[in-house]
Each structure stands twice: as C-alpha cells, then as structure tokens.
PDB file of N, CA and C in Angstrom:
ATOM      1  N   MET A   1     114.951 117.381 134.990  1.00  0.00           N
ATOM      2  CA  MET A   1     114.616 117.286 133.580  1.00  0.00           C
ATOM      3  C   MET A   1     115.634 116.380 132.890  1.00  0.00           C
ATOM      4  N   GLU A   2     115.129 115.542 132.001  1.00  0.00           N
ATOM      5  CA  GLU A   2     116.008 114.607 131.310  1.00  0.00           C
ATOM      6  C   GLU A   2     116.878 115.331 130.291  1.00  0.00           C
ATOM      7  N   PRO A   3     118.085 114.829 130.066  1.00  0.00           N
ATOM      8  CA  PRO A   3     118.924 115.452 129.034  1.00  0.00           C
ATOM      9  C   PRO A   3     118.328 115.217 127.655  1.00  0.00           C
ATOM     10  N   LYS A   4     118.678 116.079 126.728  1.00  0.00           N
ATOM     11  CA  LYS A   4     118.184 115.941 125.354  1.00  0.00           C
ATOM     12  C   LYS A   4     118.750 114.678 124.726  1.00  0.00           C
ATOM     13  N   ARG A   5     117.940 114.050 123.892  1.00  0.00           N
ATOM     14  CA  ARG A   5     118.406 112.848 123.197  1.00  0.00           C
ATOM     15  C   ARG A   5     119.373 113.245 122.093  1.00  0.00           C
ATOM     16  N   GLN A   6     120.448 112.511 121.999  1.00  0.00           N
ATOM     17  CA  GLN A   6     121.454 112.800 120.989  1.00  0.00           C
ATOM     18  C   GLN A   6     121.198 112.054 119.686  1.00  0.00           C
ATOM     19  N   ASN A   7     120.382 110.994 119.739  1.00  0.00           N
ATOM     20  CA  ASN A   7     120.218 110.155 118.558  1.00  0.00           C
ATOM     21  C   ASN A   7     118.784 110.213 118.025  1.00  0.00           C
ATOM     22  N   ILE A   8     118.203 111.369 117.989  1.00  0.00           N
ATOM     23  CA  ILE A   8     116.842 111.504 117.467  1.00  0.00           C
ATOM     24  C   ILE A   8     116.840 111.083 116.004  1.00  0.00           C
ATOM     25  N   GLY A   9     115.877 110.259 115.649  1.00  0.00           N
ATOM     26  CA  GLY A   9     115.767 109.806 114.269  1.00  0.00           C
ATOM     27  C   GLY A   9     116.650 108.622 113.940  1.00  0.00           C
ATOM     28  N   ARG A  10     117.391 108.134 114.908  1.00  0.00           N
ATOM     29  CA  ARG A  10     118.246 106.980 114.682  1.00  0.00           C
ATOM     30  C   ARG A  10     117.700 105.807 115.472  1.00  0.00           C
ATOM     31  N   ARG A  11     117.965 104.621 114.995  1.00  0.00           N
ATOM     32  CA  ARG A  11     117.524 103.431 115.716  1.00  0.00           C
ATOM     33  C   ARG A  11     118.352 103.258 116.975  1.00  0.00           C
ATOM     34  N   THR A  12     117.665 103.057 118.075  1.00  0.00           N
ATOM     35  CA  THR A  12     118.375 102.768 119.313  1.00  0.00           C
ATOM     36  C   THR A  12     118.685 101.275 119.360  1.00  0.00           C
ATOM     37  N   ASN A  13     119.600 100.912 120.226  1.00  0.00           N
ATOM     38  CA  ASN A  13     119.935  99.495 120.380  1.00  0.00           C
ATOM     39  C   ASN A  13     118.714  98.704 120.834  1.00  0.00           C
ATOM     40  N   GLU A  14     117.911  99.294 121.713  1.00  0.00           N
ATOM     41  CA  GLU A  14     116.713  98.613 122.203  1.00  0.00           C
ATOM     42  C   GLU A  14     115.713  98.392 121.074  1.00  0.00           C
ATOM     43  N   ALA A  15     115.499  99.397 120.230  1.00  0.00           N
ATOM     44  CA  ALA A  15     114.573  99.259 119.106  1.00  0.00           C
ATOM     45  C   ALA A  15     115.077  98.208 118.125  1.00  0.00           C
ATOM     46  N   LYS A  16     116.370  98.206 117.896  1.00  0.00           N
ATOM     47  CA  LYS A  16     116.963  97.220 116.985  1.00  0.00           C
ATOM     48  C   LYS A  16     116.789  95.813 117.543  1.00  0.00           C
ATOM     49  N   ARG A  17     117.010  95.652 118.847  1.00  0.00           N
ATOM     50  CA  ARG A  17     116.874  94.352 119.493  1.00  0.00           C
ATOM     51  C   ARG A  17     115.433  93.854 119.415  1.00  0.00           C
ATOM     52  N   LYS A  18     114.459  94.733 119.691  1.00  0.00           N
ATOM     53  CA  LYS A  18     113.051  94.339 119.640  1.00  0.00           C
ATOM     54  C   LYS A  18     112.635  93.985 118.216  1.00  0.00           C
ATOM     55  N   ARG A  19     113.133  94.722 117.250  1.00  0.00           N
ATOM     56  CA  ARG A  19     112.813  94.449 115.845  1.00  0.00           C
ATOM     57  C   ARG A  19     113.317  93.066 115.444  1.00  0.00           C
ATOM     58  N   GLU A  20     114.549  92.763 115.814  1.00  0.00           N
ATOM     59  CA  GLU A  20     115.118  91.449 115.513  1.00  0.00           C
ATOM     60  C   GLU A  20     114.349  90.345 116.237  1.00  0.00           C
ATOM     61  N   GLU A  21     113.933  90.638 117.461  1.00  0.00           N
ATOM     62  CA  GLU A  21     113.153  89.679 118.240  1.00  0.00           C
ATOM     63  C   GLU A  21     111.832  89.363 117.524  1.00  0.00           C
ATOM     64  N   ARG A  22     111.167  90.403 117.031  1.00  0.00           N
ATOM     65  CA  ARG A  22     109.898  90.207 116.314  1.00  0.00           C
ATOM     66  C   ARG A  22     110.106  89.458 115.006  1.00  0.00           C
ATOM     67  N   GLN A  23     111.203  89.731 114.311  1.00  0.00           N
ATOM     68  CA  GLN A  23     111.477  89.056 113.042  1.00  0.00           C
ATOM     69  C   GLN A  23     111.729  87.566 113.237  1.00  0.00           C
ATOM     70  N   ASN A  24     112.277  87.199 114.382  1.00  0.00           N
ATOM     71  CA  ASN A  24     112.654  85.810 114.624  1.00  0.00           C
ATOM     72  C   ASN A  24     111.577  85.001 115.339  1.00  0.00           C
ATOM     73  N   GLU A  25     110.437  85.617 115.675  1.00  0.00           N
ATOM     74  CA  GLU A  25     109.414  84.859 116.381  1.00  0.00           C
ATOM     75  C   GLU A  25     108.570  84.037 115.409  1.00  0.00           C
ATOM     76  N   THR A  26     108.008  82.963 115.918  1.00  0.00           N
ATOM     77  CA  THR A  26     107.171  82.088 115.096  1.00  0.00           C
ATOM     78  C   THR A  26     105.805  82.738 114.888  1.00  0.00           C
ATOM     79  N   GLU A  27     105.013  82.177 113.971  1.00  0.00           N
ATOM     80  CA  GLU A  27     103.669  82.707 113.730  1.00  0.00           C
ATOM     81  C   GLU A  27     102.824  82.616 114.994  1.00  0.00           C
ATOM     82  N   GLU A  28     103.016  81.547 115.751  1.00  0.00           N
ATOM     83  CA  GLU A  28     102.264  81.377 116.999  1.00  0.00           C
ATOM     84  C   GLU A  28     102.645  82.454 118.010  1.00  0.00           C
ATOM     85  N   GLU A  29     103.933  82.741 118.120  1.00  0.00           N
ATOM     86  CA  GLU A  29     104.392  83.787 119.037  1.00  0.00           C
ATOM     87  C   GLU A  29     103.872  85.152 118.594  1.00  0.00           C
ATOM     88  N   THR A  30     103.839  85.384 117.293  1.00  0.00           N
ATOM     89  CA  THR A  30     103.305  86.641 116.767  1.00  0.00           C
ATOM     90  C   THR A  30     101.831  86.768 117.118  1.00  0.00           C
ATOM     91  N   ALA A  31     101.071  85.685 116.940  1.00  0.00           N
ATOM     92  CA  ALA A  31      99.646  85.699 117.267  1.00  0.00           C
ATOM     93  C   ALA A  31      99.440  85.967 118.757  1.00  0.00           C
ATOM     94  N   GLN A  32     100.274  85.366 119.605  1.00  0.00           N
ATOM     95  CA  GLN A  32     100.176  85.599 121.049  1.00  0.00           C
ATOM     96  C   GLN A  32     100.481  87.056 121.387  1.00  0.00           C
ATOM     97  N   ARG A  33     101.502  87.609 120.754  1.00  0.00           N
ATOM     98  CA  ARG A  33     101.868  89.011 121.005  1.00  0.00           C
ATOM     99  C   ARG A  33     100.736  89.930 120.579  1.00  0.00           C
ATOM    100  N   HIS A  34     100.162  89.672 119.402  1.00  0.00           N
ATOM    101  CA  HIS A  34      99.056  90.497 118.911  1.00  0.00           C
ATOM    102  C   HIS A  34      97.844  90.396 119.833  1.00  0.00           C
ATOM    103  N   GLU A  35      97.543  89.195 120.302  1.00  0.00           N
ATOM    104  CA  GLU A  35      96.412  89.013 121.218  1.00  0.00           C
ATOM    105  C   GLU A  35      96.656  89.779 122.520  1.00  0.00           C
ATOM    106  N   GLY A  36      97.883  89.719 123.026  1.00  0.00           N
ATOM    107  CA  GLY A  36      98.229  90.483 124.227  1.00  0.00           C
ATOM    108  C   GLY A  36      98.062  91.973 124.005  1.00  0.00           C
ATOM    109  N   ASN A  37      98.476  92.447 122.834  1.00  0.00           N
ATOM    110  CA  ASN A  37      98.313  93.868 122.510  1.00  0.00           C
ATOM    111  C   ASN A  37      96.838  94.239 122.451  1.00  0.00           C
ATOM    112  N   ARG A  38      96.024  93.365 121.821  1.00  0.00           N
ATOM    113  CA  ARG A  38      94.581  93.624 121.728  1.00  0.00           C
ATOM    114  C   ARG A  38      93.943  93.687 123.112  1.00  0.00           C
ATOM    115  N   LEU A  39      94.295  92.728 123.974  1.00  0.00           N
ATOM    116  CA  LEU A  39      93.744  92.714 125.329  1.00  0.00           C
ATOM    117  C   LEU A  39      94.140  93.966 126.100  1.00  0.00           C
ATOM    118  N   HIS A  40      95.398  94.333 125.998  1.00  0.00           N
ATOM    119  CA  HIS A  40      95.888  95.520 126.701  1.00  0.00           C
ATOM    120  C   HIS A  40      95.133  96.772 126.250  1.00  0.00           C
ATOM    121  N   MET A  41      94.959  96.927 124.939  1.00  0.00           N
ATOM    122  CA  MET A  41      94.279  98.115 124.426  1.00  0.00           C
ATOM    123  C   MET A  41      92.799  98.109 124.794  1.00  0.00           C
ATOM    124  N   SER A  42      92.143  96.948 124.738  1.00  0.00           N
ATOM    125  CA  SER A  42      90.724  96.900 125.079  1.00  0.00           C
ATOM    126  C   SER A  42      90.521  97.222 126.558  1.00  0.00           C
ATOM    127  N   GLN A  43      91.411  96.740 127.426  1.00  0.00           N
ATOM    128  CA  GLN A  43      91.312  97.059 128.849  1.00  0.00           C
ATOM    129  C   GLN A  43      91.575  98.539 129.086  1.00  0.00           C
ATOM    130  N   SER A  44      92.538  99.078 128.379  1.00  0.00           N
ATOM    131  CA  SER A  44      92.864 100.495 128.513  1.00  0.00           C
ATOM    132  C   SER A  44      91.689 101.361 128.076  1.00  0.00           C
ATOM    133  N   HIS A  45      91.074 101.004 126.954  1.00  0.00           N
ATOM    134  CA  HIS A  45      89.942 101.774 126.449  1.00  0.00           C
ATOM    135  C   HIS A  45      88.717 101.605 127.341  1.00  0.00           C
ATOM    136  N   ALA A  46      88.560 100.448 127.962  1.00  0.00           N
ATOM    137  CA  ALA A  46      87.399 100.195 128.816  1.00  0.00           C
ATOM    138  C   ALA A  46      87.442 101.030 130.089  1.00  0.00           C
ATOM    139  N   THR A  47      88.625 101.380 130.547  1.00  0.00           N
ATOM    140  CA  THR A  47      88.743 102.112 131.806  1.00  0.00           C
ATOM    141  C   THR A  47      88.895 103.617 131.618  1.00  0.00           C
ATOM    142  N   GLU A  48      88.941 104.091 130.379  1.00  0.00           N
ATOM    143  CA  GLU A  48      89.111 105.524 130.176  1.00  0.00           C
ATOM    144  C   GLU A  48      87.778 106.253 130.317  1.00  0.00           C
ATOM    145  N   SER A  49      87.839 107.506 130.724  1.00  0.00           N
ATOM    146  CA  SER A  49      86.629 108.307 130.875  1.00  0.00           C
ATOM    147  C   SER A  49      86.131 108.748 129.508  1.00  0.00           C
ATOM    148  N   SER A  50      84.903 109.261 129.471  1.00  0.00           N
ATOM    149  CA  SER A  50      84.352 109.717 128.193  1.00  0.00           C
ATOM    150  C   SER A  50      85.153 110.902 127.652  1.00  0.00           C
ATOM    151  N   GLN A  51      85.692 111.749 128.548  1.00  0.00           N
ATOM    152  CA  GLN A  51      86.518 112.870 128.091  1.00  0.00           C
ATOM    153  C   GLN A  51      87.817 112.357 127.475  1.00  0.00           C
ATOM    154  N   GLN A  52      88.404 111.350 128.089  1.00  0.00           N
ATOM    155  CA  GLN A  52      89.632 110.776 127.538  1.00  0.00           C
ATOM    156  C   GLN A  52      89.350 110.116 126.197  1.00  0.00           C
ATOM    157  N   HIS A  53      88.199 109.448 126.104  1.00  0.00           N
ATOM    158  CA  HIS A  53      87.803 108.789 124.857  1.00  0.00           C
ATOM    159  C   HIS A  53      87.650 109.822 123.742  1.00  0.00           C
ATOM    160  N   GLU A  54      86.950 110.910 124.028  1.00  0.00           N
ATOM    161  CA  GLU A  54      86.763 111.965 123.030  1.00  0.00           C
ATOM    162  C   GLU A  54      88.095 112.580 122.623  1.00  0.00           C
ATOM    163  N   ALA A  55      88.966 112.829 123.588  1.00  0.00           N
ATOM    164  CA  ALA A  55      90.272 113.426 123.284  1.00  0.00           C
ATOM    165  C   ALA A  55      91.100 112.492 122.405  1.00  0.00           C
ATOM    166  N   ARG A  56      91.060 111.187 122.705  1.00  0.00           N
ATOM    167  CA  ARG A  56      91.813 110.216 121.906  1.00  0.00           C
ATOM    168  C   ARG A  56      91.276 110.164 120.486  1.00  0.00           C
ATOM    169  N   ASN A  57      89.956 110.128 120.352  1.00  0.00           N
ATOM    170  CA  ASN A  57      89.365 110.080 119.018  1.00  0.00           C
ATOM    171  C   ASN A  57      89.615 111.373 118.251  1.00  0.00           C
ATOM    172  N   GLU A  58      89.544 112.499 118.933  1.00  0.00           N
ATOM    173  CA  GLU A  58      89.779 113.788 118.277  1.00  0.00           C
ATOM    174  C   GLU A  58      91.216 113.871 117.768  1.00  0.00           C
ATOM    175  N   ALA A  59      92.156 113.367 118.557  1.00  0.00           N
ATOM    176  CA  ALA A  59      93.567 113.428 118.172  1.00  0.00           C
ATOM    177  C   ALA A  59      93.857 112.552 116.962  1.00  0.00           C
ATOM    178  N   SER A  60      93.105 111.465 116.803  1.00  0.00           N
ATOM    179  CA  SER A  60      93.389 110.559 115.690  1.00  0.00           C
ATOM    180  C   SER A  60      92.500 110.813 114.482  1.00  0.00           C
ATOM    181  N   ARG A  61      91.587 111.756 114.605  1.00  0.00           N
ATOM    182  CA  ARG A  61      90.660 112.028 113.507  1.00  0.00           C
ATOM    183  C   ARG A  61      91.382 112.755 112.377  1.00  0.00           C
ATOM    184  N   VAL A  62      91.067 112.388 111.152  1.00  0.00           N
ATOM    185  CA  VAL A  62      91.645 113.032 109.972  1.00  0.00           C
ATOM    186  C   VAL A  62      90.588 113.971 109.414  1.00  0.00           C
ATOM    187  N   PHE A  63      90.941 115.223 109.291  1.00  0.00           N
ATOM    188  CA  PHE A  63      90.001 116.209 108.781  1.00  0.00           C
ATOM    189  C   PHE A  63      90.184 116.365 107.277  1.00  0.00           C
ATOM    190  N   PRO A  64      89.088 116.405 106.519  1.00  0.00           N
ATOM    191  CA  PRO A  64      89.210 116.623 105.070  1.00  0.00           C
ATOM    192  C   PRO A  64      89.650 118.059 104.805  1.00  0.00           C
ATOM    193  N   PHE A  65      90.259 118.248 103.660  1.00  0.00           N
ATOM    194  CA  PHE A  65      90.683 119.588 103.288  1.00  0.00           C
ATOM    195  C   PHE A  65      89.456 120.439 103.003  1.00  0.00           C
ATOM    196  N   LYS A  66      89.533 121.701 103.376  1.00  0.00           N
ATOM    197  CA  LYS A  66      88.439 122.612 103.056  1.00  0.00           C
ATOM    198  C   LYS A  66      88.513 122.939 101.574  1.00  0.00           C
ATOM    199  N   GLU A  67      87.348 123.106 100.981  1.00  0.00           N
ATOM    200  CA  GLU A  67      87.344 123.480  99.564  1.00  0.00           C
ATOM    201  C   GLU A  67      87.910 124.878  99.439  1.00  0.00           C
ATOM    202  N   GLN A  68      88.757 125.036  98.469  1.00  0.00           N
ATOM    203  CA  GLN A  68      89.348 126.345  98.249  1.00  0.00           C
ATOM    204  C   GLN A  68      88.488 127.104  97.260  1.00  0.00           C
ATOM    205  N   ALA A  69      88.401 128.394  97.457  1.00  0.00           N
ATOM    206  CA  ALA A  69      87.646 129.231  96.528  1.00  0.00           C
ATOM    207  C   ALA A  69      88.385 129.251  95.198  1.00  0.00           C
ATOM    208  N   PRO A  70      87.655 129.297  94.079  1.00  0.00           N
ATOM    209  CA  PRO A  70      88.330 129.357  92.783  1.00  0.00           C
ATOM    210  C   PRO A  70      89.153 130.635  92.684  1.00  0.00           C
ATOM    211  N   PRO A  71      90.199 130.635  91.872  1.00  0.00           N
ATOM    212  CA  PRO A  71      91.020 131.835  91.730  1.00  0.00           C
ATOM    213  C   PRO A  71      90.170 132.992  91.217  1.00  0.00           C
ATOM    214  N   SER A  72      90.633 134.185  91.510  1.00  0.00           N
ATOM    215  CA  SER A  72      89.859 135.355  91.077  1.00  0.00           C
ATOM    216  C   SER A  72      89.750 135.371  89.557  1.00  0.00           C
ATOM    217  N   GLY A  73      88.633 135.824  89.073  1.00  0.00           N
ATOM    218  CA  GLY A  73      88.382 135.793  87.631  1.00  0.00           C
ATOM    219  C   GLY A  73      87.583 134.557  87.296  1.00  0.00           C
ATOM    220  N   ASP A  74      86.879 134.571  86.216  1.00  0.00           N
ATOM    221  CA  ASP A  74      86.023 133.471  85.820  1.00  0.00           C
ATOM    222  C   ASP A  74      86.839 132.457  85.042  1.00  0.00           C
ATOM    223  N   SER A  75      86.951 131.235  85.537  1.00  0.00           N
ATOM    224  CA  SER A  75      87.756 130.222  84.868  1.00  0.00           C
ATOM    225  C   SER A  75      87.003 129.575  83.718  1.00  0.00           C
ATOM    226  N   SER A  76      85.697 129.809  83.588  1.00  0.00           N
ATOM    227  CA  SER A  76      84.921 129.206  82.506  1.00  0.00           C
ATOM    228  C   SER A  76      84.918 130.082  81.261  1.00  0.00           C
ATOM    229  N   ALA A  77      85.655 131.175  81.232  1.00  0.00           N
ATOM    230  CA  ALA A  77      85.656 132.107  80.108  1.00  0.00           C
ATOM    231  C   ALA A  77      86.613 131.675  79.003  1.00  0.00           C
ATOM    232  N   HIS A  78      87.316 130.577  79.170  1.00  0.00           N
ATOM    233  CA  HIS A  78      88.290 130.144  78.159  1.00  0.00           C
ATOM    234  C   HIS A  78      87.655 129.791  76.888  1.00  0.00           C
TER     235      HIS A  78
END
C-alpha cells in the first residue's frame, strides 16, 4: 500500500511544471494538445462497454433538487 500523501491540496512540482509548460506553449501547440486529448477520449469511449458507458454517464449526471414540501401551516394566510 502506498504511503499517505503529505501535500494534499498543495501544488506538486510536477503539476507546477505542467502548468508552466501549458502557459508557454503556442496556440498551435495548444491546438495539437487539445486534438490529442479529443482523440484519446474518443478512442477510450469507443472501446468501453455499455455498462461502463452507463456508469460513466451516471457518475457525471447532475440531479435536480427535489421539491421540498412547504413548511407546516398555510403560508397563504398572511
């Protein structure tokens, strides 16, 4: 088992390095990176099973709040 992380919530050196790398790239390099990300995700989604697809969609789905019942007593009596 891996040891617990000591710097939870803090930027790691690797994250800082990647962030600086992204900030310094040209628009063309950014477009290439985004295209690579799109290709990777489309290939990943194309090979997943229907159960994996449903689980992924369920995990990212946002559920609306349920309507709450009005407080006890009639609020229109004012």
